[in-house]
C-alpha atoms as a PDB file:
ATOM      1  CA  UNK A   1    -140.664-232.926  88.621  1.00  0.00           C
ATOM      2  CA  UNK A   2    -139.943-233.533  92.342  1.00  0.00           C
ATOM      3  CA  UNK A   3    -136.269-233.196  90.824  1.00  0.00           C
ATOM      4  CA  UNK A   4    -136.748-229.744  89.256  1.00  0.00           C
ATOM      5  CA  UNK A   5    -138.609-227.834  92.302  1.00  0.00           C
ATOM      6  CA  UNK A   6    -135.169-228.873  94.112  1.00  0.00           C
ATOM      7  CA  UNK A   7    -132.716-228.467  91.495  1.00  0.00           C
ATOM      8  CA  UNK A   8    -134.490-224.413  91.326  1.00  0.00           C
ATOM      9  CA  UNK A   9    -134.781-224.229  94.536  1.00  0.00           C
ATOM     10  CA  UNK A  10    -131.016-225.390  94.963  1.00  0.00           C
ATOM     11  CA  UNK A  11    -130.050-222.482  92.301  1.00  0.00           C
ATOM     12  CA  UNK A  12    -131.712-220.000  93.370  1.00  0.00           C
ATOM     13  CA  UNK A  13    -131.197-219.760  97.062  1.00  0.00           C
ATOM     14  CA  UNK A  14    -127.129-219.885  95.526  1.00  0.00           C
ATOM     15  CA  UNK A  15    -127.310-217.429  93.382  1.00  0.00           C
ATOM     16  CA  UNK A  16    -129.732-215.088  95.158  1.00  0.00           C
ATOM     17  CA  UNK A  17    -127.302-213.712  98.544  1.00  0.00           C
ATOM     18  CA  UNK A  18    -124.393-213.164  95.790  1.00  0.00           C
ATOM     19  CA  UNK A  19    -127.115-210.314  93.805  1.00  0.00           C
ATOM     20  CA  UNK A  20    -128.375-209.048  97.362  1.00  0.00           C
ATOM     21  CA  UNK A  21    -124.144-208.568  98.754  1.00  0.00           C
ATOM     22  CA  UNK A  22    -124.116-207.089  95.168  1.00  0.00           C
ATOM     23  CA  UNK A  23    -125.812-203.665  96.097  1.00  0.00           C
ATOM     24  CA  UNK A  24    -124.240-203.877  98.947  1.00  0.00           C
ATOM     25  CA  UNK A  25    -120.653-202.982  96.994  1.00  0.00           C
ATOM     26  CA  UNK A  26    -122.622-199.938  94.596  1.00  0.00           C
ATOM     27  CA  UNK A  27    -123.350-198.243  98.000  1.00  0.00           C
ATOM     28  CA  UNK A  28    -119.560-198.033  99.066  1.00  0.00           C
ATOM     29  CA  UNK A  29    -118.701-196.814  95.750  1.00  0.00           C
ATOM     30  CA  UNK A  30    -120.430-193.197  95.815  1.00  0.00           C
ATOM     31  CA  UNK A  31    -120.790-190.735  98.392  1.00  0.00           C
ATOM     32  CA  UNK A  32    -123.647-191.147 101.263  1.00  0.00           C
ATOM     33  CA  UNK A  33    -124.309-194.410  99.420  1.00  0.00           C
ATOM     34  CA  UNK A  34    -126.657-195.609 102.222  1.00  0.00           C
ATOM     35  CA  UNK A  35    -127.615-192.492 103.068  1.00  0.00           C
ATOM     36  CA  UNK A  36    -129.661-191.361 100.941  1.00  0.00           C
ATOM     37  CA  UNK A  37    -133.104-190.613 102.655  1.00  0.00           C
ATOM     38  CA  UNK A  38    -136.370-192.177 100.945  1.00  0.00           C
ATOM     39  CA  UNK A  39    -134.356-194.149  98.758  1.00  0.00           C
ATOM     40  CA  UNK A  40    -131.455-197.032  99.652  1.00  0.00           C
ATOM     41  CA  UNK A  41    -131.062-198.127  95.987  1.00  0.00           C
ATOM     42  CA  UNK A  42    -130.561-194.816  94.386  1.00  0.00           C
ATOM     43  CA  UNK A  43    -129.053-196.993  91.811  1.00  0.00           C
ATOM     44  CA  UNK A  44    -132.987-198.723  90.425  1.00  0.00           C
ATOM     45  CA  UNK A  45    -136.096-197.165  90.366  1.00  0.00           C
ATOM     46  CA  UNK A  46    -136.867-199.391  92.951  1.00  0.00           C
ATOM     47  CA  UNK A  47    -135.752-200.164  96.297  1.00  0.00           C
ATOM     48  CA  UNK A  48    -135.607-204.008  95.814  1.00  0.00           C
ATOM     49  CA  UNK A  49    -133.846-203.253  92.077  1.00  0.00           C
ATOM     50  CA  UNK A  50    -135.476-205.501  90.460  1.00  0.00           C
ATOM     51  CA  UNK A  51    -137.357-203.114  88.536  1.00  0.00           C
ATOM     52  CA  UNK A  52    -134.058-201.790  86.153  1.00  0.00           C
ATOM     53  CA  UNK A  53    -131.813-198.696  87.003  1.00  0.00           C
ATOM     54  CA  UNK A  54    -132.695-195.066  87.678  1.00  0.00           C
ATOM     55  CA  UNK A  55    -130.714-192.546  85.024  1.00  0.00           C
ATOM     56  CA  UNK A  56    -128.510-192.206  88.095  1.00  0.00           C
ATOM     57  CA  UNK A  57    -128.093-195.510  88.101  1.00  0.00           C
ATOM     58  CA  UNK A  58    -127.590-196.070  84.116  1.00  0.00           C
ATOM     59  CA  UNK A  59    -125.020-192.963  84.251  1.00  0.00           C
ATOM     60  CA  UNK A  60    -123.105-195.087  86.786  1.00  0.00           C
ATOM     61  CA  UNK A  61    -123.065-197.807  85.279  1.00  0.00           C
ATOM     62  CA  UNK A  62    -121.691-195.176  82.129  1.00  0.00           C
ATOM     63  CA  UNK A  63    -118.505-194.409  83.935  1.00  0.00           C
ATOM     64  CA  UNK A  64    -118.021-198.213  85.253  1.00  0.00           C
ATOM     65  CA  UNK A  65    -119.261-198.312  88.256  1.00  0.00           C
ATOM     66  CA  UNK A  66    -117.316-195.933  89.399  1.00  0.00           C
ATOM     67  CA  UNK A  67    -117.599-192.031  91.416  1.00  0.00           C
ATOM     68  CA  UNK A  68    -116.219-189.893  89.164  1.00  0.00           C
ATOM     69  CA  UNK A  69    -115.104-186.373  88.311  1.00  0.00           C
ATOM     70  CA  UNK A  70    -118.405-186.008  85.709  1.00  0.00           C
ATOM     71  CA  UNK A  71    -120.552-187.989  87.211  1.00  0.00           C
ATOM     72  CA  UNK A  72    -120.103-185.742  89.807  1.00  0.00           C
ATOM     73  CA  UNK A  73    -120.549-182.771  87.742  1.00  0.00           C
ATOM     74  CA  UNK A  74    -123.573-183.910  85.906  1.00  0.00           C
ATOM     75  CA  UNK A  75    -126.898-183.843  87.036  1.00  0.00           C
ATOM     76  CA  UNK A  76    -128.745-186.960  85.881  1.00  0.00           C
ATOM     77  CA  UNK A  77    -132.189-185.465  86.881  1.00  0.00           C
ATOM     78  CA  UNK A  78    -132.352-182.533  85.962  1.00  0.00           C
ATOM     79  CA  UNK A  79    -133.153-180.689  89.174  1.00  0.00           C
ATOM     80  CA  UNK A  80    -130.422-178.189  88.650  1.00  0.00           C
ATOM     81  CA  UNK A  81    -128.087-179.755  91.504  1.00  0.00           C
ATOM     82  CA  UNK A  82    -125.284-181.628  90.366  1.00  0.00           C
ATOM     83  CA  UNK A  83    -125.256-185.790  91.529  1.00  0.00           C
ATOM     84  CA  UNK A  84    -122.210-184.188  93.954  1.00  0.00           C
ATOM     85  CA  UNK A  85    -124.494-181.469  95.182  1.00  0.00           C
ATOM     86  CA  UNK A  86    -126.886-184.070  96.035  1.00  0.00           C
ATOM     87  CA  UNK A  87    -124.349-186.518  97.342  1.00  0.00           C
ATOM     88  CA  UNK A  88    -122.775-184.506  99.488  1.00  0.00           C
ATOM     89  CA  UNK A  89    -119.909-184.022  97.121  1.00  0.00           C
ATOM     90  CA  UNK A  90    -120.042-180.888  95.939  1.00  0.00           C
ATOM     91  CA  UNK A  91    -116.510-180.199  95.230  1.00  0.00           C
ATOM     92  CA  UNK A  92    -115.629-184.055  93.507  1.00  0.00           C
ATOM     93  CA  UNK A  93    -113.155-184.719  96.242  1.00  0.00           C
ATOM     94  CA  UNK A  94    -114.792-187.537  97.767  1.00  0.00           C
ATOM     95  CA  UNK A  95    -113.121-190.628  97.254  1.00  0.00           C
ATOM     96  CA  UNK A  96    -113.640-194.879  98.942  1.00  0.00           C
ATOM     97  CA  UNK A  97    -110.634-193.920 100.562  1.00  0.00           C
ATOM     98  CA  UNK A  98    -111.628-190.661 101.539  1.00  0.00           C
ATOM     99  CA  UNK A  99    -113.867-188.704 103.183  1.00  0.00           C
ATOM    100  CA  UNK A 100    -112.993-185.753 103.777  1.00  0.00           C
ATOM    101  CA  UNK A 101    -114.988-182.393 102.463  1.00  0.00           C
ATOM    102  CA  UNK A 102    -117.910-184.964 102.355  1.00  0.00           C
ATOM    103  CA  UNK A 103    -121.090-183.584 103.717  1.00  0.00           C
ATOM    104  CA  UNK A 104    -123.828-185.877 104.966  1.00  0.00           C
ATOM    105  CA  UNK A 105    -126.822-183.729 106.321  1.00  0.00           C
ATOM    106  CA  UNK A 106    -129.350-182.738 103.655  1.00  0.00           C
ATOM    107  CA  UNK A 107    -128.417-184.924 100.960  1.00  0.00           C
ATOM    108  CA  UNK A 108    -130.556-186.039  97.827  1.00  0.00           C
ATOM    109  CA  UNK A 109    -131.680-188.450  95.410  1.00  0.00           C
ATOM    110  CA  UNK A 110    -129.696-187.811  91.797  1.00  0.00           C
ATOM    111  CA  UNK A 111    -132.394-189.457  90.058  1.00  0.00           C
ATOM    112  CA  UNK A 112    -135.848-187.830  91.391  1.00  0.00           C
ATOM    113  CA  UNK A 113    -135.985-183.987  90.229  1.00  0.00           C
ATOM    114  CA  UNK A 114    -138.904-183.417  93.737  1.00  0.00           C
ATOM    115  CA  UNK A 115    -136.327-184.196  96.116  1.00  0.00           C
ATOM    116  CA  UNK A 116    -133.223-181.855  96.049  1.00  0.00           C
ATOM    117  CA  UNK A 117    -130.755-180.715  98.245  1.00  0.00           C
ATOM    118  CA  UNK A 118    -131.511-179.183 101.800  1.00  0.00           C
ATOM    119  CA  UNK A 119    -128.585-178.131 103.279  1.00  0.00           C
ATOM    120  CA  UNK A 120    -127.224-174.481 102.204  1.00  0.00           C
ATOM    121  CA  UNK A 121    -123.750-175.728 101.729  1.00  0.00           C
ATOM    122  CA  UNK A 122    -125.215-178.229  98.944  1.00  0.00           C
ATOM    123  CA  UNK A 123    -127.030-175.984  97.385  1.00  0.00           C
ATOM    124  CA  UNK A 124    -124.068-173.569  97.615  1.00  0.00           C
ATOM    125  CA  UNK A 125    -122.455-175.957  95.965  1.00  0.00           C
ATOM    126  CA  UNK A 126    -118.463-176.279  95.115  1.00  0.00           C
ATOM    127  CA  UNK A 127    -117.430-172.680  95.574  1.00  0.00           C
ATOM    128  CA  UNK A 128    -118.898-172.146  99.397  1.00  0.00           C
ATOM    129  CA  UNK A 129    -118.457-175.144 100.554  1.00  0.00           C
ATOM    130  CA  UNK A 130    -114.910-175.129 103.569  1.00  0.00           C
ATOM    131  CA  UNK A 131    -114.019-177.689 101.101  1.00  0.00           C
ATOM    132  CA  UNK A 132    -112.846-175.547  98.356  1.00  0.00           C
ATOM    133  CA  UNK A 133    -110.806-173.008  99.994  1.00  0.00           C
ATOM    134  CA  UNK A 134    -107.823-175.365  99.883  1.00  0.00           C
ATOM    135  CA  UNK A 135    -104.786-173.547  98.360  1.00  0.00           C
ATOM    136  CA  UNK A 136    -104.131-177.534  97.199  1.00  0.00           C
ATOM    137  CA  UNK A 137    -106.836-177.099  95.002  1.00  0.00           C
ATOM    138  CA  UNK A 138    -106.424-175.400  91.059  1.00  0.00           C
ATOM    139  CA  UNK A 139    -109.042-174.190  89.373  1.00  0.00           C
ATOM    140  CA  UNK A 140    -110.310-170.125  89.547  1.00  0.00           C
ATOM    141  CA  UNK A 141    -112.659-171.188  92.039  1.00  0.00           C
ATOM    142  CA  UNK A 142    -115.242-168.178  90.938  1.00  0.00           C
ATOM    143  CA  UNK A 143    -118.135-170.199  90.827  1.00  0.00           C
ATOM    144  CA  UNK A 144    -119.795-174.039  90.875  1.00  0.00           C
ATOM    145  CA  UNK A 145    -119.463-173.628  87.142  1.00  0.00           C
ATOM    146  CA  UNK A 146    -115.629-173.548  87.822  1.00  0.00           C
ATOM    147  CA  UNK A 147    -116.272-177.559  88.721  1.00  0.00           C
ATOM    148  CA  UNK A 148    -117.235-178.991  85.325  1.00  0.00           C
ATOM    149  CA  UNK A 149    -114.939-179.330  82.842  1.00  0.00           C
ATOM    150  CA  UNK A 150    -111.310-180.262  82.347  1.00  0.00           C
ATOM    151  CA  UNK A 151    -109.006-179.610  85.700  1.00  0.00           C
ATOM    152  CA  UNK A 152    -105.026-179.901  84.795  1.00  0.00           C
ATOM    153  CA  UNK A 153    -102.378-178.700  87.143  1.00  0.00           C
ATOM    154  CA  UNK A 154    -101.473-175.061  86.942  1.00  0.00           C
ATOM    155  CA  UNK A 155    -100.424-174.377  90.168  1.00  0.00           C
ATOM    156  CA  UNK A 156    -101.885-173.803  93.312  1.00  0.00           C
ATOM    157  CA  UNK A 157    -104.895-171.503  93.783  1.00  0.00           C
ATOM    158  CA  UNK A 158    -107.829-171.217  95.570  1.00  0.00           C
ATOM    159  CA  UNK A 159    -110.754-172.851  94.636  1.00  0.00           C
ATOM    160  CA  UNK A 160    -112.076-175.843  91.895  1.00  0.00           C
ATOM    161  CA  UNK A 161    -110.773-179.273  92.215  1.00  0.00           C
ATOM    162  CA  UNK A 162    -107.799-181.148  93.327  1.00  0.00           C
ATOM    163  CA  UNK A 163    -105.323-182.300  91.375  1.00  0.00           C
ATOM    164  CA  UNK A 164    -106.405-185.594  89.995  1.00  0.00           C
ATOM    165  CA  UNK A 165    -105.300-188.384  92.145  1.00  0.00           C
ATOM    166  CA  UNK A 166    -105.633-191.259  90.192  1.00  0.00           C
ATOM    167  CA  UNK A 167    -108.806-192.315  92.090  1.00  0.00           C
ATOM    168  CA  UNK A 168    -111.057-191.567  89.502  1.00  0.00           C
ATOM    169  CA  UNK A 169    -109.053-193.296  86.439  1.00  0.00           C
ATOM    170  CA  UNK A 170    -111.283-195.188  84.171  1.00  0.00           C
ATOM    171  CA  UNK A 171    -108.664-198.073  84.522  1.00  0.00           C
ATOM    172  CA  UNK A 172    -108.583-198.591  87.842  1.00  0.00           C
ATOM    173  CA  UNK A 173    -111.846-198.505  88.062  1.00  0.00           C
ATOM    174  CA  UNK A 174    -112.203-201.103  85.574  1.00  0.00           C
ATOM    175  CA  UNK A 175    -109.903-203.483  87.477  1.00  0.00           C
ATOM    176  CA  UNK A 176    -112.114-202.919  91.369  1.00  0.00           C
ATOM    177  CA  UNK A 177    -114.827-204.439  88.891  1.00  0.00           C
ATOM    178  CA  UNK A 178    -113.627-207.012  87.179  1.00  0.00           C
ATOM    179  CA  UNK A 179    -112.777-208.092  90.342  1.00  0.00           C
ATOM    180  CA  UNK A 180    -116.472-207.431  91.747  1.00  0.00           C
ATOM    181  CA  UNK A 181    -117.632-209.082  88.723  1.00  0.00           C
ATOM    182  CA  UNK A 182    -115.107-212.216  88.579  1.00  0.00           C
ATOM    183  CA  UNK A 183    -116.954-212.728  92.492  1.00  0.00           C
ATOM    184  CA  UNK A 184    -120.646-212.504  90.589  1.00  0.00           C
ATOM    185  CA  UNK A 185    -119.449-215.016  88.110  1.00  0.00           C
ATOM    186  CA  UNK A 186    -118.444-217.059  90.550  1.00  0.00           C
ATOM    187  CA  UNK A 187    -120.661-217.080  92.405  1.00  0.00           C
ATOM    188  CA  UNK A 188    -123.541-218.150  89.635  1.00  0.00           C
ATOM    189  CA  UNK A 189    -120.571-221.296  88.638  1.00  0.00           C
ATOM    190  CA  UNK A 190    -121.029-222.289  92.325  1.00  0.00           C
ATOM    191  CA  UNK A 191    -124.993-222.462  92.311  1.00  0.00           C
ATOM    192  CA  UNK A 192    -125.044-224.181  88.774  1.00  0.00           C
ATOM    193  CA  UNK A 193    -122.798-227.010  90.224  1.00  0.00           C
ATOM    194  CA  UNK A 194    -124.662-227.666  93.646  1.00  0.00           C
ATOM    195  CA  UNK A 195    -127.667-227.400  90.909  1.00  0.00           C
ATOM    196  CA  UNK A 196    -126.217-230.426  88.811  1.00  0.00           C
ATOM    197  CA  UNK A 197    -124.912-231.736  91.728  1.00  0.00           C
ATOM    198  CA  UNK A 198    -128.253-231.897  93.494  1.00  0.00           C
ATOM    199  CA  UNK A 199    -129.890-233.202  90.150  1.00  0.00           C
ATOM    200  CA  UNK A 200    -127.395-236.302  89.573  1.00  0.00           C
ATOM    201  CA  UNK A 201    -127.711-237.558  93.069  1.00  0.00           C
ATOM    202  CA  UNK A 202    -131.569-236.521  93.407  1.00  0.00           C
END
């Protein structure tokens, strides 16, 4: 009996840290991921991440755990604001390597329809954001709706989204998530190996 308890504790102590570290990696994969008021874990139904994924978390998972144009343009909580507006990326230009155009103030939870952006810049959407006036963007620039849909290089114009820089490419995000998955699998394998060694020794 004592041996079983020790083995269970060894496995729990070895696997638990990798689970906690797993949440931190996702925070870095969405704009303002750790800056949403009243929700430190926007992909889950509860702050500890124990009761399942929120609607935003499900959409993020479906997008390959990557911030894509489609995820940015979606409204996962149905409150009338895109996920990009709620997370401070109204023009869907944020990447993990560039925070240009990111608005940090007034963000809201993309899984809670009762919480909406408080910043006038985010409420207005892409067409009024300072990030949408660069000559390097494509699209008509006539409304927030211009962001939604396929963006194709049509030459430099005012407004809309920038040309695709492959940051949201599904094959690229698959490589990134495969590495993260392997880290988690390695941690679990190490935990099992530790438990087996302890069971044999004890």
